Protein backbone atom coordinates (compact mmCIF):
# COMPACT_ATOMS: atom_id res chain seq x y z
CA UNK A 1 -26.08 119.24 -70.02
CA UNK A 2 -24.38 115.79 -67.51
CA UNK A 3 -27.64 113.80 -68.23
CA UNK A 4 -26.93 113.96 -72.06
CA UNK A 5 -23.43 112.62 -71.83
CA UNK A 6 -25.12 109.84 -68.94
CA UNK A 7 -27.49 108.93 -71.86
CA UNK A 8 -24.69 108.22 -74.04
CA UNK A 9 -22.36 106.21 -72.37
CA UNK A 10 -25.77 103.60 -70.74
CA UNK A 11 -25.29 101.89 -74.29
CA UNK A 12 -21.54 101.50 -73.78
CA UNK A 13 -21.34 99.75 -70.70
CA UNK A 14 -22.00 95.70 -71.24
CA UNK A 15 -25.61 93.46 -71.16
CA UNK A 16 -25.07 90.46 -69.75
CA UNK A 17 -25.87 87.74 -71.18
CA UNK A 18 -29.57 86.53 -71.83
CA UNK A 19 -28.77 83.02 -71.10
CA UNK A 20 -26.81 84.09 -68.32
CA UNK A 21 -30.21 85.66 -67.14
CA UNK A 22 -32.76 83.13 -67.48
CA UNK A 23 -30.12 81.25 -64.90
CA UNK A 24 -32.28 80.85 -60.96
CA UNK A 25 -30.76 78.03 -59.44
CA UNK A 26 -27.27 76.12 -59.89
CA UNK A 27 -25.95 72.67 -59.58
CA UNK A 28 -22.15 72.01 -58.42
CA UNK A 29 -20.28 68.99 -60.35
CA UNK A 30 -16.99 67.90 -58.11
CA UNK A 31 -13.91 70.55 -58.50
CA UNK A 32 -10.10 70.67 -57.71
CA UNK A 33 -9.50 71.27 -54.36
CA UNK A 34 -12.99 71.10 -53.01
CA UNK A 35 -13.73 74.58 -55.10
CA UNK A 36 -17.23 73.72 -55.37
CA UNK A 37 -17.68 73.77 -51.79
CA UNK A 38 -16.58 77.12 -51.45
CA UNK A 39 -18.06 78.36 -54.28
CA UNK A 40 -21.02 76.84 -53.42
CA UNK A 41 -20.69 79.59 -50.88
CA UNK A 42 -19.77 82.29 -52.37
CA UNK A 43 -23.41 81.83 -54.08
CA UNK A 44 -25.48 81.01 -52.11
CA UNK A 45 -23.83 84.61 -49.83
CA UNK A 46 -24.00 86.80 -51.82
CA UNK A 47 -27.49 85.85 -53.45
CA UNK A 48 -25.76 85.54 -57.02
CA UNK A 49 -27.68 81.98 -57.30
CA UNK A 50 -29.52 79.78 -55.85
CA UNK A 51 -27.25 76.46 -54.94
CA UNK A 52 -29.12 72.73 -55.53
CA UNK A 53 -28.03 69.60 -54.34
CA UNK A 54 -30.70 67.64 -57.17
CA UNK A 55 -28.98 68.57 -60.67
CA UNK A 56 -32.87 68.08 -61.83
CA UNK A 57 -33.92 71.28 -60.13
CA UNK A 58 -30.99 73.59 -61.91
CA UNK A 59 -30.86 75.78 -64.50
CA UNK A 60 -27.10 75.47 -65.12
CA UNK A 61 -24.51 73.25 -64.20
CA UNK A 62 -20.84 75.05 -62.68
CA UNK A 63 -18.00 72.56 -63.82
CA UNK A 64 -14.03 73.42 -63.96
CA UNK A 65 -13.86 70.71 -66.70
CA UNK A 66 -14.94 70.03 -70.37
CA UNK A 67 -15.06 67.45 -72.51
CA UNK A 68 -15.13 64.24 -72.95
CA UNK A 69 -15.35 63.76 -68.92
CA UNK A 70 -18.04 66.37 -68.29
CA UNK A 71 -19.95 65.27 -71.45
CA UNK A 72 -19.73 61.34 -69.47
CA UNK A 73 -21.15 62.87 -65.88
CA UNK A 74 -23.46 64.64 -67.83
CA UNK A 75 -25.03 61.58 -69.44
CA UNK A 76 -24.56 60.93 -65.87
CA UNK A 77 -27.17 63.26 -64.40
CA UNK A 78 -29.05 63.92 -67.26
CA UNK A 79 -29.70 60.96 -68.83
CA UNK A 80 -30.32 60.94 -72.73
CA UNK A 81 -34.01 59.96 -73.61
CA UNK A 82 -34.76 56.92 -75.46
CA UNK A 83 -37.57 54.96 -77.28
CA UNK A 84 -38.24 51.35 -76.92
CA UNK A 85 -36.72 50.33 -79.78
CA UNK A 86 -33.25 52.64 -80.19
CA UNK A 87 -30.57 51.07 -78.36
CA UNK A 88 -27.61 52.90 -77.47
CA UNK A 89 -24.53 51.27 -80.26
CA UNK A 90 -21.16 52.42 -79.71
CA UNK A 91 -18.86 52.17 -83.28
CA UNK A 92 -16.61 49.71 -82.54
CA UNK A 93 -12.78 51.14 -82.95
CA UNK A 94 -14.01 54.63 -81.27
CA UNK A 95 -12.49 56.30 -79.28
CA UNK A 96 -13.35 59.14 -76.53
CA UNK A 97 -11.65 62.01 -78.09
CA UNK A 98 -9.07 63.37 -76.79
CA UNK A 99 -9.46 66.91 -74.78
CA UNK A 100 -6.77 69.43 -73.84
CA UNK A 101 -9.19 70.83 -71.05
CA UNK A 102 -8.55 69.11 -67.74
CA UNK A 103 -9.76 70.05 -64.26
CA UNK A 104 -8.02 72.63 -61.84
CA UNK A 105 -6.29 74.69 -64.44
CA UNK A 106 -8.46 77.52 -62.64
CA UNK A 107 -11.49 78.24 -65.80
CA UNK A 108 -14.88 77.40 -64.47
CA UNK A 109 -17.25 77.12 -66.66
CA UNK A 110 -21.40 77.90 -65.90
CA UNK A 111 -23.45 75.16 -68.63
CA UNK A 112 -26.70 75.92 -69.79
CA UNK A 113 -28.86 72.93 -69.28
CA UNK A 114 -30.92 72.88 -71.36
CA UNK A 115 -28.45 74.31 -74.62
CA UNK A 116 -25.49 72.42 -72.94
CA UNK A 117 -23.93 76.11 -73.61
CA UNK A 118 -20.61 77.22 -71.41
CA UNK A 119 -22.84 80.89 -70.92
CA UNK A 120 -20.00 81.86 -68.68
CA UNK A 121 -16.82 81.20 -68.23
CA UNK A 122 -13.72 83.26 -66.08
CA UNK A 123 -10.63 82.06 -65.10
CA UNK A 124 -9.67 82.22 -61.36
CA UNK A 125 -6.37 79.93 -60.27
CA UNK A 126 -6.17 79.91 -56.42
CA UNK A 127 -2.45 80.66 -55.83
CA UNK A 128 -2.30 77.46 -53.32
CA UNK A 129 -4.69 74.64 -51.96
CA UNK A 130 -5.15 76.55 -48.59
CA UNK A 131 -8.46 76.90 -47.51
CA UNK A 132 -8.16 80.74 -47.31
CA UNK A 133 -6.77 81.25 -50.25
CA UNK A 134 -9.92 78.92 -52.29
CA UNK A 135 -12.56 80.32 -50.24
CA UNK A 136 -11.23 84.09 -51.45
CA UNK A 137 -11.01 83.02 -55.10
CA UNK A 138 -14.26 81.38 -54.90
CA UNK A 139 -15.50 85.19 -53.32
CA UNK A 140 -13.86 87.02 -56.45
CA UNK A 141 -15.48 84.73 -58.83
CA UNK A 142 -19.00 85.44 -57.41
CA UNK A 143 -18.27 88.87 -57.33
CA UNK A 144 -17.16 89.00 -61.13
CA UNK A 145 -20.49 87.22 -61.92
CA UNK A 146 -22.54 89.92 -59.36
CA UNK A 147 -21.02 92.09 -61.89
CA UNK A 148 -21.89 90.05 -65.09
CA UNK A 149 -25.12 90.02 -63.68
CA UNK A 150 -25.46 93.75 -63.29
CA UNK A 151 -25.88 93.56 -59.47
CA UNK A 152 -22.19 94.10 -58.12
CA UNK A 153 -19.38 97.37 -57.33
């Protein structure tokens, strides 16, 4: 009888995002309070993902900011391919779009490289900028991600 109940409950468990499961290697953009350094350490030590120092080797990018600033950085590390007859033109008088997203507010995004979609995010704001606090928050983020991938507690 218990095994029947177990079989009925298995479909109720949340499944990891299939795009998240495709990610094997990640690159981290600079984050507020040095969170990128602590998060890289936490991800690597918990074997969640391989952390790479070359964005060209990454399947996804961790960032604490999305919007115009992120888009600009994305174009720097992954320049769009242009044919010889294409010219990059910017319409006159156009301004960068205004974004409500700002750095260092506690939200961390994982953006998949090929689709440019956010495949995972979480909110974990350190209480202060002390190294111990930022490290603890980075460990919490890595634990949440590992759990989402099906390898955590």
